[in-house]
PDB file of N, CA and C in Angstrom:
ATOM      1  N   MET A   1     102.312 111.387 -45.099  1.00  0.00           N
ATOM      2  CA  MET A   1     101.473 111.462 -43.917  1.00  0.00           C
ATOM      3  C   MET A   1     100.105 110.827 -44.181  1.00  0.00           C
ATOM      4  N   LEU A   2      99.649 110.918 -45.420  1.00  0.00           N
ATOM      5  CA  LEU A   2      98.353 110.341 -45.755  1.00  0.00           C
ATOM      6  C   LEU A   2      98.383 108.823 -45.655  1.00  0.00           C
ATOM      7  N   ILE A   3      99.450 108.219 -46.135  1.00  0.00           N
ATOM      8  CA  ILE A   3      99.530 106.759 -46.170  1.00  0.00           C
ATOM      9  C   ILE A   3      99.546 106.156 -44.778  1.00  0.00           C
ATOM     10  N   CYS A   4     100.274 106.755 -43.850  1.00  0.00           N
ATOM     11  CA  CYS A   4     100.382 106.148 -42.518  1.00  0.00           C
ATOM     12  C   CYS A   4      99.038 106.131 -41.795  1.00  0.00           C
ATOM     13  N   GLY A   5      98.077 106.904 -42.217  1.00  0.00           N
ATOM     14  CA  GLY A   5      96.763 106.905 -41.590  1.00  0.00           C
ATOM     15  C   GLY A   5      95.707 106.166 -42.384  1.00  0.00           C
ATOM     16  N   ALA A   6      96.106 105.521 -43.468  1.00  0.00           N
ATOM     17  CA  ALA A   6      95.143 104.853 -44.348  1.00  0.00           C
ATOM     18  C   ALA A   6      95.014 103.379 -44.013  1.00  0.00           C
ATOM     19  N   ASP A   7      93.791 102.870 -44.068  1.00  0.00           N
ATOM     20  CA  ASP A   7      93.545 101.443 -43.902  1.00  0.00           C
ATOM     21  C   ASP A   7      93.338 100.761 -45.241  1.00  0.00           C
ATOM     22  N   LEU A   8      92.978 101.529 -46.257  1.00  0.00           N
ATOM     23  CA  LEU A   8      92.730 101.009 -47.601  1.00  0.00           C
ATOM     24  C   LEU A   8      93.124 102.085 -48.596  1.00  0.00           C
ATOM     25  N   TRP A   9      93.850 101.707 -49.640  1.00  0.00           N
ATOM     26  CA  TRP A   9      94.239 102.663 -50.680  1.00  0.00           C
ATOM     27  C   TRP A   9      93.264 102.512 -51.837  1.00  0.00           C
ATOM     28  N   LEU A  10      92.425 103.515 -52.041  1.00  0.00           N
ATOM     29  CA  LEU A  10      91.430 103.505 -53.106  1.00  0.00           C
ATOM     30  C   LEU A  10      91.960 104.299 -54.287  1.00  0.00           C
ATOM     31  N   ASN A  11      91.967 103.665 -55.444  1.00  0.00           N
ATOM     32  CA  ASN A  11      92.470 104.300 -56.656  1.00  0.00           C
ATOM     33  C   ASN A  11      91.493 103.988 -57.783  1.00  0.00           C
ATOM     34  N   THR A  12      90.933 105.022 -58.378  1.00  0.00           N
ATOM     35  CA  THR A  12      89.893 104.813 -59.383  1.00  0.00           C
ATOM     36  C   THR A  12      90.163 105.544 -60.700  1.00  0.00           C
ATOM     37  N   PRO A  13      91.279 105.236 -61.350  1.00  0.00           N
ATOM     38  CA  PRO A  13      91.500 105.841 -62.667  1.00  0.00           C
ATOM     39  C   PRO A  13      90.586 105.185 -63.696  1.00  0.00           C
ATOM     40  N   ARG A  14      90.419 105.831 -64.809  1.00  0.00           N
ATOM     41  CA  ARG A  14      89.710 105.191 -65.925  1.00  0.00           C
ATOM     42  C   ARG A  14      90.743 104.428 -66.740  1.00  0.00           C
ATOM     43  N   LYS A  15      90.374 103.215 -67.156  1.00  0.00           N
ATOM     44  CA  LYS A  15      91.270 102.442 -68.019  1.00  0.00           C
ATOM     45  C   LYS A  15      91.427 103.161 -69.340  1.00  0.00           C
ATOM     46  N   PRO A  16      92.534 103.205 -69.925  1.00  0.00           N
ATOM     47  CA  PRO A  16      93.877 102.813 -69.522  1.00  0.00           C
ATOM     48  C   PRO A  16      94.689 104.012 -69.056  1.00  0.00           C
ATOM     49  N   GLU A  17      94.145 104.827 -68.182  1.00  0.00           N
ATOM     50  CA  GLU A  17      94.774 106.095 -67.823  1.00  0.00           C
ATOM     51  C   GLU A  17      95.569 106.075 -66.523  1.00  0.00           C
ATOM     52  N   GLU A  18      95.772 104.914 -65.925  1.00  0.00           N
ATOM     53  CA  GLU A  18      96.608 104.846 -64.725  1.00  0.00           C
ATOM     54  C   GLU A  18      98.007 105.286 -65.102  1.00  0.00           C
ATOM     55  N   ALA A  19      98.559 106.180 -64.317  1.00  0.00           N
ATOM     56  CA  ALA A  19      99.906 106.672 -64.613  1.00  0.00           C
ATOM     57  C   ALA A  19     100.917 105.602 -64.205  1.00  0.00           C
ATOM     58  N   SER A  20     101.630 105.813 -63.150  1.00  0.00           N
ATOM     59  CA  SER A  20     102.632 104.817 -62.754  1.00  0.00           C
ATOM     60  C   SER A  20     102.180 104.009 -61.545  1.00  0.00           C
ATOM     61  N   GLY A  21     101.279 104.534 -60.749  1.00  0.00           N
ATOM     62  CA  GLY A  21     100.784 103.785 -59.600  1.00  0.00           C
ATOM     63  C   GLY A  21     101.710 103.789 -58.409  1.00  0.00           C
ATOM     64  N   THR A  22     102.672 104.702 -58.373  1.00  0.00           N
ATOM     65  CA  THR A  22     103.640 104.667 -57.278  1.00  0.00           C
ATOM     66  C   THR A  22     103.008 104.923 -55.917  1.00  0.00           C
ATOM     67  N   SER A  23     101.906 105.648 -55.849  1.00  0.00           N
ATOM     68  CA  SER A  23     101.269 105.876 -54.547  1.00  0.00           C
ATOM     69  C   SER A  23     100.716 104.569 -53.987  1.00  0.00           C
ATOM     70  N   GLY A  24     100.141 103.730 -54.824  1.00  0.00           N
ATOM     71  CA  GLY A  24      99.652 102.432 -54.375  1.00  0.00           C
ATOM     72  C   GLY A  24     100.791 101.506 -53.974  1.00  0.00           C
ATOM     73  N   MET A  25     101.897 101.595 -54.701  1.00  0.00           N
ATOM     74  CA  MET A  25     103.071 100.796 -54.352  1.00  0.00           C
ATOM     75  C   MET A  25     103.616 101.231 -52.998  1.00  0.00           C
ATOM     76  N   LYS A  26     103.660 102.549 -52.777  1.00  0.00           N
ATOM     77  CA  LYS A  26     104.139 103.062 -51.491  1.00  0.00           C
ATOM     78  C   LYS A  26     103.201 102.638 -50.368  1.00  0.00           C
ATOM     79  N   ALA A  27     101.913 102.640 -50.636  1.00  0.00           N
ATOM     80  CA  ALA A  27     100.948 102.177 -49.637  1.00  0.00           C
ATOM     81  C   ALA A  27     101.219 100.715 -49.292  1.00  0.00           C
ATOM     82  N   ALA A  28     101.488  99.879 -50.304  1.00  0.00           N
ATOM     83  CA  ALA A  28     101.777  98.464 -50.065  1.00  0.00           C
ATOM     84  C   ALA A  28     102.997  98.294 -49.164  1.00  0.00           C
ATOM     85  N   HIS A  29     103.995  99.124 -49.352  1.00  0.00           N
ATOM     86  CA  HIS A  29     105.188  99.060 -48.504  1.00  0.00           C
ATOM     87  C   HIS A  29     104.858  99.378 -47.055  1.00  0.00           C
ATOM     88  N   ASN A  30     103.754 100.047 -46.829  1.00  0.00           N
ATOM     89  CA  ASN A  30     103.318 100.395 -45.482  1.00  0.00           C
ATOM     90  C   ASN A  30     102.189  99.500 -44.984  1.00  0.00           C
ATOM     91  N   GLY A  31     101.940  98.398 -45.686  1.00  0.00           N
ATOM     92  CA  GLY A  31     100.936  97.439 -45.241  1.00  0.00           C
ATOM     93  C   GLY A  31      99.506  97.854 -45.520  1.00  0.00           C
ATOM     94  N   VAL A  32      99.319  98.729 -46.485  1.00  0.00           N
ATOM     95  CA  VAL A  32      97.978  99.200 -46.826  1.00  0.00           C
ATOM     96  C   VAL A  32      97.511  98.475 -48.092  1.00  0.00           C
ATOM     97  N   PRO A  33      96.475  97.646 -47.976  1.00  0.00           N
ATOM     98  CA  PRO A  33      95.939  96.982 -49.166  1.00  0.00           C
ATOM     99  C   PRO A  33      95.248  97.987 -50.085  1.00  0.00           C
ATOM    100  N   SER A  34      95.115  97.622 -51.343  1.00  0.00           N
ATOM    101  CA  SER A  34      94.509  98.511 -52.341  1.00  0.00           C
ATOM    102  C   SER A  34      93.177  97.988 -52.845  1.00  0.00           C
ATOM    103  N   LEU A  35      92.345  98.913 -53.264  1.00  0.00           N
ATOM    104  CA  LEU A  35      91.123  98.652 -54.020  1.00  0.00           C
ATOM    105  C   LEU A  35      91.239  99.540 -55.241  1.00  0.00           C
ATOM    106  N   SER A  36      91.391  98.932 -56.417  1.00  0.00           N
ATOM    107  CA  SER A  36      91.657  99.729 -57.604  1.00  0.00           C
ATOM    108  C   SER A  36      91.204  99.027 -58.872  1.00  0.00           C
ATOM    109  N   ILE A  37      91.150  99.808 -59.927  1.00  0.00           N
ATOM    110  CA  ILE A  37      90.920  99.308 -61.275  1.00  0.00           C
ATOM    111  C   ILE A  37      92.136  98.451 -61.668  1.00  0.00           C
ATOM    112  N   LEU A  38      91.894  97.366 -62.384  1.00  0.00           N
ATOM    113  CA  LEU A  38      93.007  96.532 -62.857  1.00  0.00           C
ATOM    114  C   LEU A  38      93.668  97.207 -64.053  1.00  0.00           C
ATOM    115  N   ASP A  39      94.569  98.113 -63.723  1.00  0.00           N
ATOM    116  CA  ASP A  39      95.314  98.852 -64.726  1.00  0.00           C
ATOM    117  C   ASP A  39      96.653  99.221 -64.110  1.00  0.00           C
ATOM    118  N   GLY A  40      97.650  99.450 -64.932  1.00  0.00           N
ATOM    119  CA  GLY A  40      98.961  99.816 -64.413  1.00  0.00           C
ATOM    120  C   GLY A  40      99.545  98.710 -63.547  1.00  0.00           C
ATOM    121  N   TRP A  41     100.191  99.094 -62.481  1.00  0.00           N
ATOM    122  CA  TRP A  41     100.858  98.124 -61.601  1.00  0.00           C
ATOM    123  C   TRP A  41      99.871  97.181 -60.931  1.00  0.00           C
ATOM    124  N   TRP A  42      98.641  97.620 -60.680  1.00  0.00           N
ATOM    125  CA  TRP A  42      97.675  96.804 -59.950  1.00  0.00           C
ATOM    126  C   TRP A  42      97.230  95.589 -60.765  1.00  0.00           C
ATOM    127  N   LEU A  43      97.366  95.668 -62.061  1.00  0.00           N
ATOM    128  CA  LEU A  43      97.092  94.509 -62.913  1.00  0.00           C
ATOM    129  C   LEU A  43      98.013  93.346 -62.535  1.00  0.00           C
ATOM    130  N   GLU A  44      99.250  93.663 -62.172  1.00  0.00           N
ATOM    131  CA  GLU A  44     100.207  92.644 -61.737  1.00  0.00           C
ATOM    132  C   GLU A  44     100.149  92.391 -60.238  1.00  0.00           C
ATOM    133  N   GLY A  45      99.832  93.412 -59.451  1.00  0.00           N
ATOM    134  CA  GLY A  45      99.939  93.317 -57.997  1.00  0.00           C
ATOM    135  C   GLY A  45      98.718  92.795 -57.276  1.00  0.00           C
ATOM    136  N   CYS A  46      97.569  92.797 -57.941  1.00  0.00           N
ATOM    137  CA  CYS A  46      96.340  92.382 -57.273  1.00  0.00           C
ATOM    138  C   CYS A  46      96.212  90.866 -57.218  1.00  0.00           C
ATOM    139  N   ILE A  47      96.154  90.359 -56.020  1.00  0.00           N
ATOM    140  CA  ILE A  47      95.741  88.978 -55.781  1.00  0.00           C
ATOM    141  C   ILE A  47      94.484  89.118 -54.928  1.00  0.00           C
ATOM    142  N   GLU A  48      93.354  88.908 -55.553  1.00  0.00           N
ATOM    143  CA  GLU A  48      92.051  89.208 -54.957  1.00  0.00           C
ATOM    144  C   GLU A  48      91.906  88.615 -53.555  1.00  0.00           C
ATOM    145  N   GLY A  49      91.641  89.504 -52.586  1.00  0.00           N
ATOM    146  CA  GLY A  49      91.449  89.084 -51.205  1.00  0.00           C
ATOM    147  C   GLY A  49      92.733  88.727 -50.477  1.00  0.00           C
ATOM    148  N   ILE A  50      93.861  88.823 -51.155  1.00  0.00           N
ATOM    149  CA  ILE A  50      95.160  88.501 -50.549  1.00  0.00           C
ATOM    150  C   ILE A  50      96.005  89.767 -50.391  1.00  0.00           C
ATOM    151  N   THR A  51      96.166  90.531 -51.473  1.00  0.00           N
ATOM    152  CA  THR A  51      96.916  91.793 -51.406  1.00  0.00           C
ATOM    153  C   THR A  51      95.985  92.997 -51.512  1.00  0.00           C
ATOM    154  N   GLY A  52      94.728  92.752 -51.785  1.00  0.00           N
ATOM    155  CA  GLY A  52      93.737  93.809 -51.950  1.00  0.00           C
ATOM    156  C   GLY A  52      92.615  93.310 -52.838  1.00  0.00           C
ATOM    157  N   TRP A  53      91.935  94.243 -53.511  1.00  0.00           N
ATOM    158  CA  TRP A  53      90.771  93.885 -54.317  1.00  0.00           C
ATOM    159  C   TRP A  53      90.755  94.686 -55.612  1.00  0.00           C
ATOM    160  N   ALA A  54      90.143  94.091 -56.616  1.00  0.00           N
ATOM    161  CA  ALA A  54      90.026  94.744 -57.922  1.00  0.00           C
ATOM    162  C   ALA A  54      88.614  95.268 -58.110  1.00  0.00           C
ATOM    163  N   ILE A  55      88.517  96.446 -58.689  1.00  0.00           N
ATOM    164  CA  ILE A  55      87.241  96.975 -59.142  1.00  0.00           C
ATOM    165  C   ILE A  55      87.045  96.422 -60.541  1.00  0.00           C
ATOM    166  N   ASP A  56      86.006  95.641 -60.731  1.00  0.00           N
ATOM    167  CA  ASP A  56      85.752  95.043 -62.040  1.00  0.00           C
ATOM    168  C   ASP A  56      85.288  96.138 -62.992  1.00  0.00           C
ATOM    169  N   SER A  57      86.087  96.395 -64.005  1.00  0.00           N
ATOM    170  CA  SER A  57      85.816  97.479 -64.936  1.00  0.00           C
ATOM    171  C   SER A  57      85.895  96.979 -66.367  1.00  0.00           C
ATOM    172  N   PRO A  58      84.871  97.299 -67.175  1.00  0.00           N
ATOM    173  CA  PRO A  58      84.923  96.882 -68.575  1.00  0.00           C
ATOM    174  C   PRO A  58      85.909  97.705 -69.393  1.00  0.00           C
ATOM    175  N   GLY A  59      86.271  98.890 -68.894  1.00  0.00           N
ATOM    176  CA  GLY A  59      87.191  99.739 -69.633  1.00  0.00           C
ATOM    177  C   GLY A  59      86.545 100.501 -70.768  1.00  0.00           C
ATOM    178  N   ASP A  60      85.238 100.354 -70.923  1.00  0.00           N
ATOM    179  CA  ASP A  60      84.475 101.054 -71.958  1.00  0.00           C
ATOM    180  C   ASP A  60      84.030 102.398 -71.374  1.00  0.00           C
ATOM    181  N   ALA A  61      84.494 103.487 -71.948  1.00  0.00           N
ATOM    182  CA  ALA A  61      84.234 104.818 -71.389  1.00  0.00           C
ATOM    183  C   ALA A  61      82.747 105.123 -71.205  1.00  0.00           C
ATOM    184  N   GLU A  62      81.905 104.618 -72.082  1.00  0.00           N
ATOM    185  CA  GLU A  62      80.483 104.934 -72.002  1.00  0.00           C
ATOM    186  C   GLU A  62      79.790 104.245 -70.829  1.00  0.00           C
ATOM    187  N   THR A  63      80.206 103.041 -70.497  1.00  0.00           N
ATOM    188  CA  THR A  63      79.509 102.308 -69.444  1.00  0.00           C
ATOM    189  C   THR A  63      80.342 102.089 -68.187  1.00  0.00           C
ATOM    190  N   SER A  64      81.626 102.380 -68.251  1.00  0.00           N
ATOM    191  CA  SER A  64      82.493 101.985 -67.146  1.00  0.00           C
ATOM    192  C   SER A  64      82.221 102.732 -65.848  1.00  0.00           C
ATOM    193  N   ASP A  65      81.865 104.000 -65.869  1.00  0.00           N
ATOM    194  CA  ASP A  65      81.647 104.720 -64.615  1.00  0.00           C
ATOM    195  C   ASP A  65      80.576 104.056 -63.752  1.00  0.00           C
ATOM    196  N   LYS A  66      79.457 103.715 -64.348  1.00  0.00           N
ATOM    197  CA  LYS A  66      78.380 103.066 -63.585  1.00  0.00           C
ATOM    198  C   LYS A  66      78.804 101.682 -63.111  1.00  0.00           C
ATOM    199  N   GLN A  67      79.438 100.916 -63.980  1.00  0.00           N
ATOM    200  CA  GLN A  67      79.859  99.565 -63.606  1.00  0.00           C
ATOM    201  C   GLN A  67      80.994  99.602 -62.593  1.00  0.00           C
ATOM    202  N   ASP A  68      81.920 100.537 -62.762  1.00  0.00           N
ATOM    203  CA  ASP A  68      83.016 100.684 -61.802  1.00  0.00           C
ATOM    204  C   ASP A  68      82.460 101.036 -60.424  1.00  0.00           C
ATOM    205  N   SER A  69      81.523 101.963 -60.409  1.00  0.00           N
ATOM    206  CA  SER A  69      80.906 102.384 -59.153  1.00  0.00           C
ATOM    207  C   SER A  69      80.171 101.230 -58.475  1.00  0.00           C
ATOM    208  N   ALA A  70      79.414 100.468 -59.240  1.00  0.00           N
ATOM    209  CA  ALA A  70      78.680  99.328 -58.683  1.00  0.00           C
ATOM    210  C   ALA A  70      79.654  98.297 -58.126  1.00  0.00           C
ATOM    211  N   SER A  71      80.731  98.029 -58.839  1.00  0.00           N
ATOM    212  CA  SER A  71      81.727  97.063 -58.382  1.00  0.00           C
ATOM    213  C   SER A  71      82.430  97.552 -57.124  1.00  0.00           C
ATOM    214  N   LEU A  72      82.781  98.839 -57.099  1.00  0.00           N
ATOM    215  CA  LEU A  72      83.442  99.417 -55.930  1.00  0.00           C
ATOM    216  C   LEU A  72      82.587  99.239 -54.680  1.00  0.00           C
ATOM    217  N   TYR A  73      81.317  99.622 -54.759  1.00  0.00           N
ATOM    218  CA  TYR A  73      80.430  99.503 -53.588  1.00  0.00           C
ATOM    219  C   TYR A  73      80.168  98.048 -53.219  1.00  0.00           C
ATOM    220  N   ASP A  74      80.084  97.176 -54.221  1.00  0.00           N
ATOM    221  CA  ASP A  74      79.898  95.759 -53.941  1.00  0.00           C
ATOM    222  C   ASP A  74      81.087  95.194 -53.173  1.00  0.00           C
ATOM    223  N   LYS A  75      82.318  95.525 -53.614  1.00  0.00           N
ATOM    224  CA  LYS A  75      83.514  95.042 -52.915  1.00  0.00           C
ATOM    225  C   LYS A  75      83.577  95.590 -51.493  1.00  0.00           C
ATOM    226  N   LEU A  76      83.246  96.866 -51.335  1.00  0.00           N
ATOM    227  CA  LEU A  76      83.248  97.443 -49.989  1.00  0.00           C
ATOM    228  C   LEU A  76      82.255  96.717 -49.076  1.00  0.00           C
ATOM    229  N   GLU A  77      81.040  96.536 -49.573  1.00  0.00           N
ATOM    230  CA  GLU A  77      79.977  95.945 -48.742  1.00  0.00           C
ATOM    231  C   GLU A  77      80.154  94.456 -48.496  1.00  0.00           C
ATOM    232  N   SER A  78      80.609  93.719 -49.512  1.00  0.00           N
ATOM    233  CA  SER A  78      80.633  92.264 -49.377  1.00  0.00           C
ATOM    234  C   SER A  78      81.968  91.704 -48.892  1.00  0.00           C
ATOM    235  N   ALA A  79      83.055  92.416 -49.106  1.00  0.00           N
ATOM    236  CA  ALA A  79      84.362  91.856 -48.761  1.00  0.00           C
ATOM    237  C   ALA A  79      85.178  92.732 -47.814  1.00  0.00           C
ATOM    238  N   ILE A  80      85.342  93.983 -48.146  1.00  0.00           N
ATOM    239  CA  ILE A  80      86.300  94.823 -47.426  1.00  0.00           C
ATOM    240  C   ILE A  80      85.809  95.221 -46.037  1.00  0.00           C
ATOM    241  N   ILE A  81      84.623  95.780 -45.953  1.00  0.00           N
ATOM    242  CA  ILE A  81      84.105  96.205 -44.644  1.00  0.00           C
ATOM    243  C   ILE A  81      83.924  95.015 -43.697  1.00  0.00           C
ATOM    244  N   PRO A  82      83.350  93.893 -44.157  1.00  0.00           N
ATOM    245  CA  PRO A  82      83.262  92.737 -43.247  1.00  0.00           C
ATOM    246  C   PRO A  82      84.637  92.244 -42.778  1.00  0.00           C
ATOM    247  N   ALA A  83      85.623  92.227 -43.667  1.00  0.00           N
ATOM    248  CA  ALA A  83      86.963  91.774 -43.270  1.00  0.00           C
ATOM    249  C   ALA A  83      87.557  92.726 -42.235  1.00  0.00           C
ATOM    250  N   TYR A  84      87.399  94.010 -42.461  1.00  0.00           N
ATOM    251  CA  TYR A  84      87.995  95.006 -41.564  1.00  0.00           C
ATOM    252  C   TYR A  84      87.351  94.970 -40.172  1.00  0.00           C
ATOM    253  N   TYR A  85      86.029  94.907 -40.121  1.00  0.00           N
ATOM    254  CA  TYR A  85      85.340  95.002 -38.835  1.00  0.00           C
ATOM    255  C   TYR A  85      85.053  93.658 -38.165  1.00  0.00           C
ATOM    256  N   MET A  86      84.903  92.586 -38.941  1.00  0.00           N
ATOM    257  CA  MET A  86      84.470  91.325 -38.346  1.00  0.00           C
ATOM    258  C   MET A  86      85.521  90.227 -38.375  1.00  0.00           C
ATOM    259  N   ASN A  87      86.613  90.441 -39.083  1.00  0.00           N
ATOM    260  CA  ASN A  87      87.646  89.414 -39.162  1.00  0.00           C
ATOM    261  C   ASN A  87      89.009  90.098 -39.169  1.00  0.00           C
ATOM    262  N   ARG A  88      89.334  90.685 -38.036  1.00  0.00           N
ATOM    263  CA  ARG A  88      90.552  91.488 -37.929  1.00  0.00           C
ATOM    264  C   ARG A  88      91.817  90.680 -38.240  1.00  0.00           C
ATOM    265  N   ASP A  89      91.840  89.407 -37.845  1.00  0.00           N
ATOM    266  CA  ASP A  89      93.009  88.575 -38.142  1.00  0.00           C
ATOM    267  C   ASP A  89      93.218  88.436 -39.650  1.00  0.00           C
ATOM    268  N   ASN A  90      92.130  88.255 -40.391  1.00  0.00           N
ATOM    269  CA  ASN A  90      92.224  88.178 -41.850  1.00  0.00           C
ATOM    270  C   ASN A  90      92.706  89.507 -42.423  1.00  0.00           C
ATOM    271  N   TRP A  91      92.202  90.616 -41.895  1.00  0.00           N
ATOM    272  CA  TRP A  91      92.621  91.932 -42.372  1.00  0.00           C
ATOM    273  C   TRP A  91      94.129  92.114 -42.170  1.00  0.00           C
ATOM    274  N   ILE A  92      94.613  91.709 -41.013  1.00  0.00           N
ATOM    275  CA  ILE A  92      96.042  91.825 -40.727  1.00  0.00           C
ATOM    276  C   ILE A  92      96.847  90.937 -41.674  1.00  0.00           C
ATOM    277  N   ASN A  93      96.332  89.764 -42.012  1.00  0.00           N
ATOM    278  CA  ASN A  93      97.008  88.910 -42.994  1.00  0.00           C
ATOM    279  C   ASN A  93      97.067  89.566 -44.372  1.00  0.00           C
ATOM    280  N   ILE A  94      95.999  90.251 -44.752  1.00  0.00           N
ATOM    281  CA  ILE A  94      95.997  90.968 -46.032  1.00  0.00           C
ATOM    282  C   ILE A  94      97.045  92.076 -45.999  1.00  0.00           C
ATOM    283  N   MET A  95      97.136  92.778 -44.886  1.00  0.00           N
ATOM    284  CA  MET A  95      98.167  93.808 -44.735  1.00  0.00           C
ATOM    285  C   MET A  95      99.564  93.195 -44.866  1.00  0.00           C
ATOM    286  N   ARG A  96      99.769  92.064 -44.228  1.00  0.00           N
ATOM    287  CA  ARG A  96     101.077  91.390 -44.290  1.00  0.00           C
ATOM    288  C   ARG A  96     101.395  90.936 -45.717  1.00  0.00           C
ATOM    289  N   HIS A  97     100.385  90.397 -46.410  1.00  0.00           N
ATOM    290  CA  HIS A  97     100.605  89.973 -47.794  1.00  0.00           C
ATOM    291  C   HIS A  97     100.894  91.169 -48.707  1.00  0.00           C
ATOM    292  N   SER A  98     100.271  92.283 -48.404  1.00  0.00           N
ATOM    293  CA  SER A  98     100.539  93.488 -49.180  1.00  0.00           C
ATOM    294  C   SER A  98     102.025  93.836 -49.107  1.00  0.00           C
ATOM    295  N   ILE A  99     102.590  93.706 -47.923  1.00  0.00           N
ATOM    296  CA  ILE A  99     104.024  93.973 -47.758  1.00  0.00           C
ATOM    297  C   ILE A  99     104.846  92.846 -48.389  1.00  0.00           C
ATOM    298  N   ALA A 100     104.525  91.607 -48.019  1.00  0.00           N
ATOM    299  CA  ALA A 100     105.344  90.470 -48.445  1.00  0.00           C
ATOM    300  C   ALA A 100     105.348  90.272 -49.956  1.00  0.00           C
ATOM    301  N   VAL A 101     104.191  90.417 -50.579  1.00  0.00           N
ATOM    302  CA  VAL A 101     104.091  90.156 -52.017  1.00  0.00           C
ATOM    303  C   VAL A 101     104.396  91.417 -52.828  1.00  0.00           C
ATOM    304  N   ASN A 102     103.636  92.468 -52.593  1.00  0.00           N
ATOM    305  CA  ASN A 102     103.773  93.650 -53.450  1.00  0.00           C
ATOM    306  C   ASN A 102     105.015  94.472 -53.139  1.00  0.00           C
ATOM    307  N   ALA A 103     105.304  94.680 -51.862  1.00  0.00           N
ATOM    308  CA  ALA A 103     106.485  95.492 -51.538  1.00  0.00           C
ATOM    309  C   ALA A 103     107.774  94.792 -51.961  1.00  0.00           C
ATOM    310  N   SER A 104     107.773  93.467 -51.916  1.00  0.00           N
ATOM    311  CA  SER A 104     108.990  92.758 -52.325  1.00  0.00           C
ATOM    312  C   SER A 104     109.167  92.752 -53.847  1.00  0.00           C
ATOM    313  N   PHE A 105     108.089  92.925 -54.587  1.00  0.00           N
ATOM    314  CA  PHE A 105     108.152  92.881 -56.041  1.00  0.00           C
ATOM    315  C   PHE A 105     108.240  94.273 -56.666  1.00  0.00           C
ATOM    316  N   PHE A 106     107.488  95.229 -56.134  1.00  0.00           N
ATOM    317  CA  PHE A 106     107.450  96.582 -56.694  1.00  0.00           C
ATOM    318  C   PHE A 106     108.353  97.483 -55.867  1.00  0.00           C
ATOM    319  N   ASN A 107     109.631  97.511 -56.243  1.00  0.00           N
ATOM    320  CA  ASN A 107     110.605  98.313 -55.513  1.00  0.00           C
ATOM    321  C   ASN A 107     111.698  98.763 -56.480  1.00  0.00           C
ATOM    322  N   THR A 108     112.656  99.497 -55.974  1.00  0.00           N
ATOM    323  CA  THR A 108     113.687 100.041 -56.856  1.00  0.00           C
ATOM    324  C   THR A 108     114.613  98.964 -57.415  1.00  0.00           C
ATOM    325  N   HIS A 109     114.723  97.817 -56.755  1.00  0.00           N
ATOM    326  CA  HIS A 109     115.555  96.746 -57.306  1.00  0.00           C
ATOM    327  C   HIS A 109     115.011  96.301 -58.665  1.00  0.00           C
ATOM    328  N   ARG A 110     113.697  96.211 -58.778  1.00  0.00           N
ATOM    329  CA  ARG A 110     113.071  95.826 -60.056  1.00  0.00           C
ATOM    330  C   ARG A 110     113.344  96.896 -61.105  1.00  0.00           C
ATOM    331  N   TRP A 111     113.256  98.144 -60.708  1.00  0.00           N
ATOM    332  CA  TRP A 111     113.483  99.252 -61.627  1.00  0.00           C
ATOM    333  C   TRP A 111     114.912  99.233 -62.144  1.00  0.00           C
ATOM    334  N   PHE A 112     115.874  99.083 -61.241  1.00  0.00           N
ATOM    335  CA  PHE A 112     117.276  99.072 -61.652  1.00  0.00           C
ATOM    336  C   PHE A 112     117.609  97.866 -62.521  1.00  0.00           C
ATOM    337  N   SER A 113     117.000  96.721 -62.235  1.00  0.00           N
ATOM    338  CA  SER A 113     117.297  95.528 -63.035  1.00  0.00           C
ATOM    339  C   SER A 113     116.760  95.668 -64.458  1.00  0.00           C
ATOM    340  N   ASN A 114     115.741  96.504 -64.663  1.00  0.00           N
ATOM    341  CA  ASN A 114     115.193  96.709 -66.007  1.00  0.00           C
ATOM    342  C   ASN A 114     115.960  97.752 -66.803  1.00  0.00           C
ATOM    343  N   MET A 115     116.886  98.439 -66.160  1.00  0.00           N
ATOM    344  CA  MET A 115     117.643  99.494 -66.847  1.00  0.00           C
ATOM    345  C   MET A 115     118.781  98.935 -67.687  1.00  0.00           C
ATOM    346  N   SER A 116     119.247  97.744 -67.382  1.00  0.00           N
ATOM    347  CA  SER A 116     120.405  97.231 -68.124  1.00  0.00           C
ATOM    348  C   SER A 116     120.020  96.462 -69.351  1.00  0.00           C
TER     349      SER A 116
END
């Protein structure tokens, strides 16, 4: 129920603590772009400004919280909010790419093919 009402999937784990990322993958299947740390599945799934956005994180525990926070707010202010409110056609294209690129790649077919 949470995903169907989301316009952006925000995920902020500390590197390298991303678990499996299945919630972000499920969001992609529903056309919800992500904003996340480049860790776990998002390291492979993020195409900046196409399927979502990356929070630039050094991964250094001592400095990463401040830098992650600054990057998160910068992406929101400079890219995400303007796209959502001022360029709706672009936002819809990002939603479509989220489905076309990430949903087609991150699915159970990939999981089953890796089992053999």
